[in-house]
Amino acid sequence: MKKNIFIILITFTLAKFTLACDFNDSSFEQDEVAIWLGSNSLFSKAYRDGKCVLDKALLNVPLEQRKIIANLIAKSYAKDIKRTKENSTYNY
């Protein structure tokens, strides 16, 4: 189940066409992280796409709660990575 969700998230993140955000929007012109990352790399485009998806999903959530949710999502990825590393040490 988690693999399916991860694949869907990656697909949305790496897709050139995103339904969540319009890149003509000036919101990234003021985003210090987006400016620091630039706009030429796959990583910076993934950041922008991911941020757009989260912003749209959390549109009616206060900013402080958005931060908490984003941190929880990041921690869930850290746990997935740790679990994957633990499972890779087992000999099957």
PDB file of N, CA and C in Angstrom:
ATOM      1  N   MET A   1       0.829  -1.190   0.000  1.00  0.00           N
ATOM      2  CA  MET A   1       0.000   0.000   0.000  1.00  0.00           C
ATOM      3  C   MET A   1       0.874   1.253   0.000  1.00  0.00           C
ATOM      4  N   LYS A   2       1.897   1.269   0.871  1.00  0.00           N
ATOM      5  CA  LYS A   2       2.770   2.437   0.946  1.00  0.00           C
ATOM      6  C   LYS A   2       3.576   2.610  -0.331  1.00  0.00           C
ATOM      7  N   LYS A   3       3.929   1.484  -0.970  1.00  0.00           N
ATOM      8  CA  LYS A   3       4.666   1.571  -2.229  1.00  0.00           C
ATOM      9  C   LYS A   3       3.820   2.245  -3.293  1.00  0.00           C
ATOM     10  N   ASN A   4       2.532   1.913  -3.328  1.00  0.00           N
ATOM     11  CA  ASN A   4       1.632   2.524  -4.306  1.00  0.00           C
ATOM     12  C   ASN A   4       1.513   4.024  -4.089  1.00  0.00           C
ATOM     13  N   ILE A   5       1.389   4.431  -2.836  1.00  0.00           N
ATOM     14  CA  ILE A   5       1.288   5.856  -2.517  1.00  0.00           C
ATOM     15  C   ILE A   5       2.591   6.553  -2.894  1.00  0.00           C
ATOM     16  N   PHE A   6       3.720   5.926  -2.595  1.00  0.00           N
ATOM     17  CA  PHE A   6       5.015   6.513  -2.924  1.00  0.00           C
ATOM     18  C   PHE A   6       5.166   6.669  -4.433  1.00  0.00           C
ATOM     19  N   ILE A   7       4.755   5.680  -5.197  1.00  0.00           N
ATOM     20  CA  ILE A   7       4.851   5.756  -6.659  1.00  0.00           C
ATOM     21  C   ILE A   7       3.961   6.868  -7.193  1.00  0.00           C
ATOM     22  N   ILE A   8       2.774   6.995  -6.634  1.00  0.00           N
ATOM     23  CA  ILE A   8       1.871   8.067  -7.068  1.00  0.00           C
ATOM     24  C   ILE A   8       2.470   9.429  -6.758  1.00  0.00           C
ATOM     25  N   LEU A   9       3.040   9.594  -5.565  1.00  0.00           N
ATOM     26  CA  LEU A   9       3.658  10.870  -5.199  1.00  0.00           C
ATOM     27  C   LEU A   9       4.829  11.203  -6.118  1.00  0.00           C
ATOM     28  N   ILE A  10       5.663  10.230  -6.414  1.00  0.00           N
ATOM     29  CA  ILE A  10       6.795  10.455  -7.307  1.00  0.00           C
ATOM     30  C   ILE A  10       6.302  10.834  -8.695  1.00  0.00           C
ATOM     31  N   THR A  11       5.255  10.159  -9.162  1.00  0.00           N
ATOM     32  CA  THR A  11       4.710  10.456 -10.484  1.00  0.00           C
ATOM     33  C   THR A  11       4.232  11.895 -10.561  1.00  0.00           C
ATOM     34  N   PHE A  12       3.498  12.332  -9.545  1.00  0.00           N
ATOM     35  CA  PHE A  12       3.037  13.714  -9.541  1.00  0.00           C
ATOM     36  C   PHE A  12       4.192  14.693  -9.433  1.00  0.00           C
ATOM     37  N   THR A  13       5.176  14.329  -8.639  1.00  0.00           N
ATOM     38  CA  THR A  13       6.304  15.222  -8.431  1.00  0.00           C
ATOM     39  C   THR A  13       7.136  15.388  -9.688  1.00  0.00           C
ATOM     40  N   LEU A  14       7.354  14.319 -10.412  1.00  0.00           N
ATOM     41  CA  LEU A  14       8.225  14.374 -11.576  1.00  0.00           C
ATOM     42  C   LEU A  14       7.504  14.744 -12.869  1.00  0.00           C
ATOM     43  N   ALA A  15       6.197  14.786 -12.830  1.00  0.00           N
ATOM     44  CA  ALA A  15       5.447  15.116 -14.038  1.00  0.00           C
ATOM     45  C   ALA A  15       5.689  16.581 -14.420  1.00  0.00           C
ATOM     46  N   LYS A  16       5.859  16.808 -15.701  1.00  0.00           N
ATOM     47  CA  LYS A  16       6.062  18.179 -16.161  1.00  0.00           C
ATOM     48  C   LYS A  16       4.780  18.991 -16.051  1.00  0.00           C
ATOM     49  N   PHE A  17       3.653  18.348 -16.250  1.00  0.00           N
ATOM     50  CA  PHE A  17       2.378  19.035 -16.143  1.00  0.00           C
ATOM     51  C   PHE A  17       1.789  18.738 -14.785  1.00  0.00           C
ATOM     52  N   THR A  18       1.517  19.764 -14.028  1.00  0.00           N
ATOM     53  CA  THR A  18       0.937  19.553 -12.715  1.00  0.00           C
ATOM     54  C   THR A  18      -0.419  20.225 -12.633  1.00  0.00           C
ATOM     55  N   LEU A  19      -1.369  19.547 -12.041  1.00  0.00           N
ATOM     56  CA  LEU A  19      -2.707  20.092 -11.908  1.00  0.00           C
ATOM     57  C   LEU A  19      -2.835  20.968 -10.669  1.00  0.00           C
ATOM     58  N   ALA A  20      -1.865  20.917  -9.791  1.00  0.00           N
ATOM     59  CA  ALA A  20      -1.979  21.593  -8.514  1.00  0.00           C
ATOM     60  C   ALA A  20      -1.488  23.026  -8.540  1.00  0.00           C
ATOM     61  N   CYS A  21      -0.655  23.383  -9.483  1.00  0.00           N
ATOM     62  CA  CYS A  21      -0.016  24.686  -9.400  1.00  0.00           C
ATOM     63  C   CYS A  21       0.271  25.232 -10.789  1.00  0.00           C
ATOM     64  N   ASP A  22       0.187  26.514 -10.917  1.00  0.00           N
ATOM     65  CA  ASP A  22       0.529  27.183 -12.162  1.00  0.00           C
ATOM     66  C   ASP A  22       1.872  27.864 -11.961  1.00  0.00           C
ATOM     67  N   PHE A  23       2.889  27.459 -12.737  1.00  0.00           N
ATOM     68  CA  PHE A  23       4.222  28.016 -12.553  1.00  0.00           C
ATOM     69  C   PHE A  23       4.315  29.471 -12.980  1.00  0.00           C
ATOM     70  N   ASN A  24       3.295  29.996 -13.629  1.00  0.00           N
ATOM     71  CA  ASN A  24       3.281  31.423 -13.941  1.00  0.00           C
ATOM     72  C   ASN A  24       2.969  32.243 -12.698  1.00  0.00           C
ATOM     73  N   ASP A  25       2.564  31.563 -11.645  1.00  0.00           N
ATOM     74  CA  ASP A  25       2.269  32.212 -10.379  1.00  0.00           C
ATOM     75  C   ASP A  25       3.554  32.771  -9.786  1.00  0.00           C
ATOM     76  N   SER A  26       3.464  33.916  -9.196  1.00  0.00           N
ATOM     77  CA  SER A  26       4.665  34.562  -8.647  1.00  0.00           C
ATOM     78  C   SER A  26       4.987  34.101  -7.236  1.00  0.00           C
ATOM     79  N   SER A  27       4.308  33.062  -6.735  1.00  0.00           N
ATOM     80  CA  SER A  27       4.539  32.632  -5.354  1.00  0.00           C
ATOM     81  C   SER A  27       5.964  32.133  -5.135  1.00  0.00           C
ATOM     82  N   PHE A  28       6.593  31.565  -6.160  1.00  0.00           N
ATOM     83  CA  PHE A  28       7.951  31.057  -6.003  1.00  0.00           C
ATOM     84  C   PHE A  28       9.002  32.152  -6.148  1.00  0.00           C
ATOM     85  N   GLU A  29       8.617  33.302  -6.652  1.00  0.00           N
ATOM     86  CA  GLU A  29       9.566  34.405  -6.766  1.00  0.00           C
ATOM     87  C   GLU A  29       9.935  34.952  -5.389  1.00  0.00           C
ATOM     88  N   GLN A  30       9.081  34.699  -4.403  1.00  0.00           N
ATOM     89  CA  GLN A  30       9.323  35.182  -3.048  1.00  0.00           C
ATOM     90  C   GLN A  30       9.710  34.058  -2.091  1.00  0.00           C
ATOM     91  N   ASP A  31       9.731  32.843  -2.563  1.00  0.00           N
ATOM     92  CA  ASP A  31      10.090  31.685  -1.744  1.00  0.00           C
ATOM     93  C   ASP A  31      11.617  31.564  -1.713  1.00  0.00           C
ATOM     94  N   GLU A  32      12.204  31.808  -0.556  1.00  0.00           N
ATOM     95  CA  GLU A  32      13.669  31.813  -0.433  1.00  0.00           C
ATOM     96  C   GLU A  32      14.273  30.448  -0.765  1.00  0.00           C
ATOM     97  N   VAL A  33      13.612  29.380  -0.402  1.00  0.00           N
ATOM     98  CA  VAL A  33      14.133  28.041  -0.691  1.00  0.00           C
ATOM     99  C   VAL A  33      14.105  27.796  -2.197  1.00  0.00           C
ATOM    100  N   ALA A  34      13.006  28.171  -2.854  1.00  0.00           N
ATOM    101  CA  ALA A  34      12.908  27.991  -4.305  1.00  0.00           C
ATOM    102  C   ALA A  34      13.968  28.813  -5.022  1.00  0.00           C
ATOM    103  N   ILE A  35      14.229  30.020  -4.555  1.00  0.00           N
ATOM    104  CA  ILE A  35      15.270  30.861  -5.150  1.00  0.00           C
ATOM    105  C   ILE A  35      16.632  30.209  -4.949  1.00  0.00           C
ATOM    106  N   TRP A  36      16.885  29.704  -3.747  1.00  0.00           N
ATOM    107  CA  TRP A  36      18.166  29.068  -3.448  1.00  0.00           C
ATOM    108  C   TRP A  36      18.384  27.825  -4.294  1.00  0.00           C
ATOM    109  N   LEU A  37      17.319  27.036  -4.504  1.00  0.00           N
ATOM    110  CA  LEU A  37      17.432  25.808  -5.300  1.00  0.00           C
ATOM    111  C   LEU A  37      17.576  26.096  -6.793  1.00  0.00           C
ATOM    112  N   GLY A  38      17.080  27.233  -7.227  1.00  0.00           N
ATOM    113  CA  GLY A  38      17.113  27.547  -8.652  1.00  0.00           C
ATOM    114  C   GLY A  38      15.937  26.892  -9.355  1.00  0.00           C
ATOM    115  N   SER A  39      16.006  26.833 -10.669  1.00  0.00           N
ATOM    116  CA  SER A  39      14.874  26.268 -11.403  1.00  0.00           C
ATOM    117  C   SER A  39      15.302  25.295 -12.502  1.00  0.00           C
ATOM    118  N   ASN A  40      16.573  24.945 -12.549  1.00  0.00           N
ATOM    119  CA  ASN A  40      17.061  24.115 -13.644  1.00  0.00           C
ATOM    120  C   ASN A  40      17.167  22.634 -13.319  1.00  0.00           C
ATOM    121  N   SER A  41      17.207  22.278 -12.050  1.00  0.00           N
ATOM    122  CA  SER A  41      17.439  20.877 -11.705  1.00  0.00           C
ATOM    123  C   SER A  41      16.125  20.127 -11.506  1.00  0.00           C
ATOM    124  N   LEU A  42      16.205  18.830 -11.619  1.00  0.00           N
ATOM    125  CA  LEU A  42      15.055  17.967 -11.364  1.00  0.00           C
ATOM    126  C   LEU A  42      14.616  18.098  -9.906  1.00  0.00           C
ATOM    127  N   PHE A  43      15.591  18.259  -9.007  1.00  0.00           N
ATOM    128  CA  PHE A  43      15.289  18.391  -7.583  1.00  0.00           C
ATOM    129  C   PHE A  43      14.479  19.659  -7.310  1.00  0.00           C
ATOM    130  N   SER A  44      14.870  20.779  -7.917  1.00  0.00           N
ATOM    131  CA  SER A  44      14.145  22.034  -7.679  1.00  0.00           C
ATOM    132  C   SER A  44      12.736  21.965  -8.254  1.00  0.00           C
ATOM    133  N   LYS A  45      12.582  21.303  -9.393  1.00  0.00           N
ATOM    134  CA  LYS A  45      11.242  21.148  -9.972  1.00  0.00           C
ATOM    135  C   LYS A  45      10.385  20.240  -9.103  1.00  0.00           C
ATOM    136  N   ALA A  46      10.990  19.201  -8.535  1.00  0.00           N
ATOM    137  CA  ALA A  46      10.260  18.312  -7.629  1.00  0.00           C
ATOM    138  C   ALA A  46       9.833  19.064  -6.375  1.00  0.00           C
ATOM    139  N   TYR A  47      10.711  19.940  -5.872  1.00  0.00           N
ATOM    140  CA  TYR A  47      10.372  20.760  -4.702  1.00  0.00           C
ATOM    141  C   TYR A  47       9.159  21.635  -5.009  1.00  0.00           C
ATOM    142  N   ARG A  48       9.187  22.302  -6.147  1.00  0.00           N
ATOM    143  CA  ARG A  48       8.086  23.190  -6.521  1.00  0.00           C
ATOM    144  C   ARG A  48       6.784  22.413  -6.698  1.00  0.00           C
ATOM    145  N   ASP A  49       6.857  21.285  -7.393  1.00  0.00           N
ATOM    146  CA  ASP A  49       5.655  20.475  -7.600  1.00  0.00           C
ATOM    147  C   ASP A  49       5.105  19.974  -6.272  1.00  0.00           C
ATOM    148  N   GLY A  50       5.995  19.463  -5.415  1.00  0.00           N
ATOM    149  CA  GLY A  50       5.569  18.954  -4.117  1.00  0.00           C
ATOM    150  C   GLY A  50       4.960  20.025  -3.245  1.00  0.00           C
ATOM    151  N   LYS A  51       5.556  21.198  -3.258  1.00  0.00           N
ATOM    152  CA  LYS A  51       5.029  22.310  -2.464  1.00  0.00           C
ATOM    153  C   LYS A  51       3.656  22.730  -2.979  1.00  0.00           C
ATOM    154  N   CYS A  52       3.497  22.739  -4.289  1.00  0.00           N
ATOM    155  CA  CYS A  52       2.200  23.087  -4.875  1.00  0.00           C
ATOM    156  C   CYS A  52       1.123  22.086  -4.464  1.00  0.00           C
ATOM    157  N   VAL A  53       1.460  20.803  -4.515  1.00  0.00           N
ATOM    158  CA  VAL A  53       0.498  19.766  -4.138  1.00  0.00           C
ATOM    159  C   VAL A  53       0.113  19.918  -2.673  1.00  0.00           C
ATOM    160  N   LEU A  54       1.093  20.110  -1.808  1.00  0.00           N
ATOM    161  CA  LEU A  54       0.799  20.284  -0.381  1.00  0.00           C
ATOM    162  C   LEU A  54      -0.018  21.546  -0.127  1.00  0.00           C
ATOM    163  N   ASP A  55       0.347  22.639  -0.784  1.00  0.00           N
ATOM    164  CA  ASP A  55      -0.389  23.888  -0.586  1.00  0.00           C
ATOM    165  C   ASP A  55      -1.845  23.741  -1.006  1.00  0.00           C
ATOM    166  N   LYS A  56      -2.078  23.038  -2.105  1.00  0.00           N
ATOM    167  CA  LYS A  56      -3.454  22.849  -2.550  1.00  0.00           C
ATOM    168  C   LYS A  56      -4.210  21.930  -1.597  1.00  0.00           C
ATOM    169  N   ALA A  57      -3.568  20.861  -1.144  1.00  0.00           N
ATOM    170  CA  ALA A  57      -4.219  19.912  -0.235  1.00  0.00           C
ATOM    171  C   ALA A  57      -4.512  20.542   1.123  1.00  0.00           C
ATOM    172  N   LEU A  58      -3.666  21.462   1.546  1.00  0.00           N
ATOM    173  CA  LEU A  58      -3.798  22.065   2.879  1.00  0.00           C
ATOM    174  C   LEU A  58      -4.304  23.498   2.805  1.00  0.00           C
ATOM    175  N   LEU A  59      -5.052  23.816   1.785  1.00  0.00           N
ATOM    176  CA  LEU A  59      -5.507  25.179   1.531  1.00  0.00           C
ATOM    177  C   LEU A  59      -6.278  25.773   2.702  1.00  0.00           C
ATOM    178  N   ASN A  60      -7.119  24.980   3.350  1.00  0.00           N
ATOM    179  CA  ASN A  60      -7.961  25.489   4.439  1.00  0.00           C
ATOM    180  C   ASN A  60      -7.367  25.245   5.824  1.00  0.00           C
ATOM    181  N   VAL A  61      -6.095  24.876   5.868  1.00  0.00           N
ATOM    182  CA  VAL A  61      -5.428  24.589   7.136  1.00  0.00           C
ATOM    183  C   VAL A  61      -4.538  25.782   7.493  1.00  0.00           C
ATOM    184  N   PRO A  62      -4.558  26.223   8.746  1.00  0.00           N
ATOM    185  CA  PRO A  62      -3.686  27.341   9.153  1.00  0.00           C
ATOM    186  C   PRO A  62      -2.208  27.024   8.929  1.00  0.00           C
ATOM    187  N   LEU A  63      -1.415  28.061   8.723  1.00  0.00           N
ATOM    188  CA  LEU A  63      -0.007  27.924   8.374  1.00  0.00           C
ATOM    189  C   LEU A  63       0.778  27.105   9.394  1.00  0.00           C
ATOM    190  N   GLU A  64       0.542  27.314  10.677  1.00  0.00           N
ATOM    191  CA  GLU A  64       1.270  26.568  11.713  1.00  0.00           C
ATOM    192  C   GLU A  64       0.953  25.074  11.630  1.00  0.00           C
ATOM    193  N   GLN A  65      -0.290  24.739  11.356  1.00  0.00           N
ATOM    194  CA  GLN A  65      -0.667  23.334  11.230  1.00  0.00           C
ATOM    195  C   GLN A  65      -0.094  22.733   9.955  1.00  0.00           C
ATOM    196  N   ARG A  66       0.034  23.532   8.887  1.00  0.00           N
ATOM    197  CA  ARG A  66       0.688  23.056   7.660  1.00  0.00           C
ATOM    198  C   ARG A  66       2.122  22.639   7.956  1.00  0.00           C
ATOM    199  N   LYS A  67       2.794  23.441   8.774  1.00  0.00           N
ATOM    200  CA  LYS A  67       4.183  23.138   9.139  1.00  0.00           C
ATOM    201  C   LYS A  67       4.254  21.815   9.899  1.00  0.00           C
ATOM    202  N   ILE A  68       3.331  21.603  10.809  1.00  0.00           N
ATOM    203  CA  ILE A  68       3.310  20.370  11.591  1.00  0.00           C
ATOM    204  C   ILE A  68       3.055  19.173  10.679  1.00  0.00           C
ATOM    205  N   ILE A  69       2.101  19.305   9.779  1.00  0.00           N
ATOM    206  CA  ILE A  69       1.784  18.214   8.851  1.00  0.00           C
ATOM    207  C   ILE A  69       2.976  17.907   7.957  1.00  0.00           C
ATOM    208  N   ALA A  70       3.639  18.945   7.435  1.00  0.00           N
ATOM    209  CA  ALA A  70       4.815  18.736   6.582  1.00  0.00           C
ATOM    210  C   ALA A  70       5.927  18.025   7.354  1.00  0.00           C
ATOM    211  N   ASN A  71       6.119  18.392   8.617  1.00  0.00           N
ATOM    212  CA  ASN A  71       7.135  17.723   9.443  1.00  0.00           C
ATOM    213  C   ASN A  71       6.774  16.262   9.701  1.00  0.00           C
ATOM    214  N   LEU A  72       5.492  15.991   9.920  1.00  0.00           N
ATOM    215  CA  LEU A  72       5.062  14.602  10.115  1.00  0.00           C
ATOM    216  C   LEU A  72       5.287  13.776   8.854  1.00  0.00           C
ATOM    217  N   ILE A  73       5.021  14.358   7.694  1.00  0.00           N
ATOM    218  CA  ILE A  73       5.260  13.659   6.434  1.00  0.00           C
ATOM    219  C   ILE A  73       6.746  13.368   6.281  1.00  0.00           C
ATOM    220  N   ALA A  74       7.593  14.359   6.588  1.00  0.00           N
ATOM    221  CA  ALA A  74       9.042  14.161   6.492  1.00  0.00           C
ATOM    222  C   ALA A  74       9.501  13.057   7.436  1.00  0.00           C
ATOM    223  N   LYS A  75       8.952  13.023   8.650  1.00  0.00           N
ATOM    224  CA  LYS A  75       9.328  11.975   9.605  1.00  0.00           C
ATOM    225  C   LYS A  75       8.875  10.606   9.122  1.00  0.00           C
ATOM    226  N   SER A  76       7.730  10.544   8.449  1.00  0.00           N
ATOM    227  CA  SER A  76       7.268   9.247   7.947  1.00  0.00           C
ATOM    228  C   SER A  76       8.223   8.728   6.873  1.00  0.00           C
ATOM    229  N   TYR A  77       8.774   9.622   6.036  1.00  0.00           N
ATOM    230  CA  TYR A  77       9.767   9.203   5.048  1.00  0.00           C
ATOM    231  C   TYR A  77      11.041   8.730   5.732  1.00  0.00           C
ATOM    232  N   ALA A  78      11.443   9.405   6.795  1.00  0.00           N
ATOM    233  CA  ALA A  78      12.641   8.990   7.529  1.00  0.00           C
ATOM    234  C   ALA A  78      12.449   7.590   8.119  1.00  0.00           C
ATOM    235  N   LYS A  79      11.252   7.319   8.645  1.00  0.00           N
ATOM    236  CA  LYS A  79      10.972   5.983   9.187  1.00  0.00           C
ATOM    237  C   LYS A  79      10.956   4.936   8.078  1.00  0.00           C
ATOM    238  N   ASP A  80      10.409   5.286   6.909  1.00  0.00           N
ATOM    239  CA  ASP A  80      10.412   4.351   5.781  1.00  0.00           C
ATOM    240  C   ASP A  80      11.833   4.024   5.343  1.00  0.00           C
ATOM    241  N   ILE A  81      12.689   5.025   5.316  1.00  0.00           N
ATOM    242  CA  ILE A  81      14.090   4.807   4.936  1.00  0.00           C
ATOM    243  C   ILE A  81      14.778   3.914   5.957  1.00  0.00           C
ATOM    244  N   LYS A  82      14.539   4.178   7.233  1.00  0.00           N
ATOM    245  CA  LYS A  82      15.141   3.363   8.293  1.00  0.00           C
ATOM    246  C   LYS A  82      14.658   1.919   8.192  1.00  0.00           C
ATOM    247  N   ARG A  83      13.367   1.724   7.953  1.00  0.00           N
ATOM    248  CA  ARG A  83      12.801   0.383   7.834  1.00  0.00           C
ATOM    249  C   ARG A  83      13.391  -0.339   6.626  1.00  0.00           C
ATOM    250  N   THR A  84      13.565   0.382   5.534  1.00  0.00           N
ATOM    251  CA  THR A  84      14.148  -0.217   4.334  1.00  0.00           C
ATOM    252  C   THR A  84      15.580  -0.650   4.591  1.00  0.00           C
ATOM    253  N   LYS A  85      16.355   0.176   5.287  1.00  0.00           N
ATOM    254  CA  LYS A  85      17.741  -0.186   5.609  1.00  0.00           C
ATOM    255  C   LYS A  85      17.787  -1.390   6.530  1.00  0.00           C
ATOM    256  N   GLU A  86      16.872  -1.456   7.499  1.00  0.00           N
ATOM    257  CA  GLU A  86      16.847  -2.607   8.402  1.00  0.00           C
ATOM    258  C   GLU A  86      16.496  -3.880   7.647  1.00  0.00           C
ATOM    259  N   ASN A  87      15.535  -3.785   6.729  1.00  0.00           N
ATOM    260  CA  ASN A  87      15.125  -4.965   5.969  1.00  0.00           C
ATOM    261  C   ASN A  87      16.211  -5.401   4.980  1.00  0.00           C
ATOM    262  N   SER A  88      17.020  -4.484   4.513  1.00  0.00           N
ATOM    263  CA  SER A  88      18.044  -4.853   3.544  1.00  0.00           C
ATOM    264  C   SER A  88      19.203  -5.618   4.191  1.00  0.00           C
ATOM    265  N   THR A  89      19.303  -5.580   5.514  1.00  0.00           N
ATOM    266  CA  THR A  89      20.391  -6.296   6.193  1.00  0.00           C
ATOM    267  C   THR A  89      20.041  -7.763   6.441  1.00  0.00           C
ATOM    268  N   TYR A  90      18.751  -8.121   6.269  1.00  0.00           N
ATOM    269  CA  TYR A  90      18.354  -9.508   6.451  1.00  0.00           C
ATOM    270  C   TYR A  90      18.742 -10.311   5.222  1.00  0.00           C
ATOM    271  N   ASN A  91      19.180 -11.534   5.444  1.00  0.00           N
ATOM    272  CA  ASN A  91      19.499 -12.433   4.343  1.00  0.00           C
ATOM    273  C   ASN A  91      18.291 -13.322   4.074  1.00  0.00           C
ATOM    274  N   TYR A  92      17.767 -13.207   2.894  1.00  0.00           N
ATOM    275  CA  TYR A  92      16.604 -14.008   2.531  1.00  0.00           C
ATOM    276  C   TYR A  92      17.011 -15.167   1.705  1.00  0.00           C
TER     277      TYR A  92
END
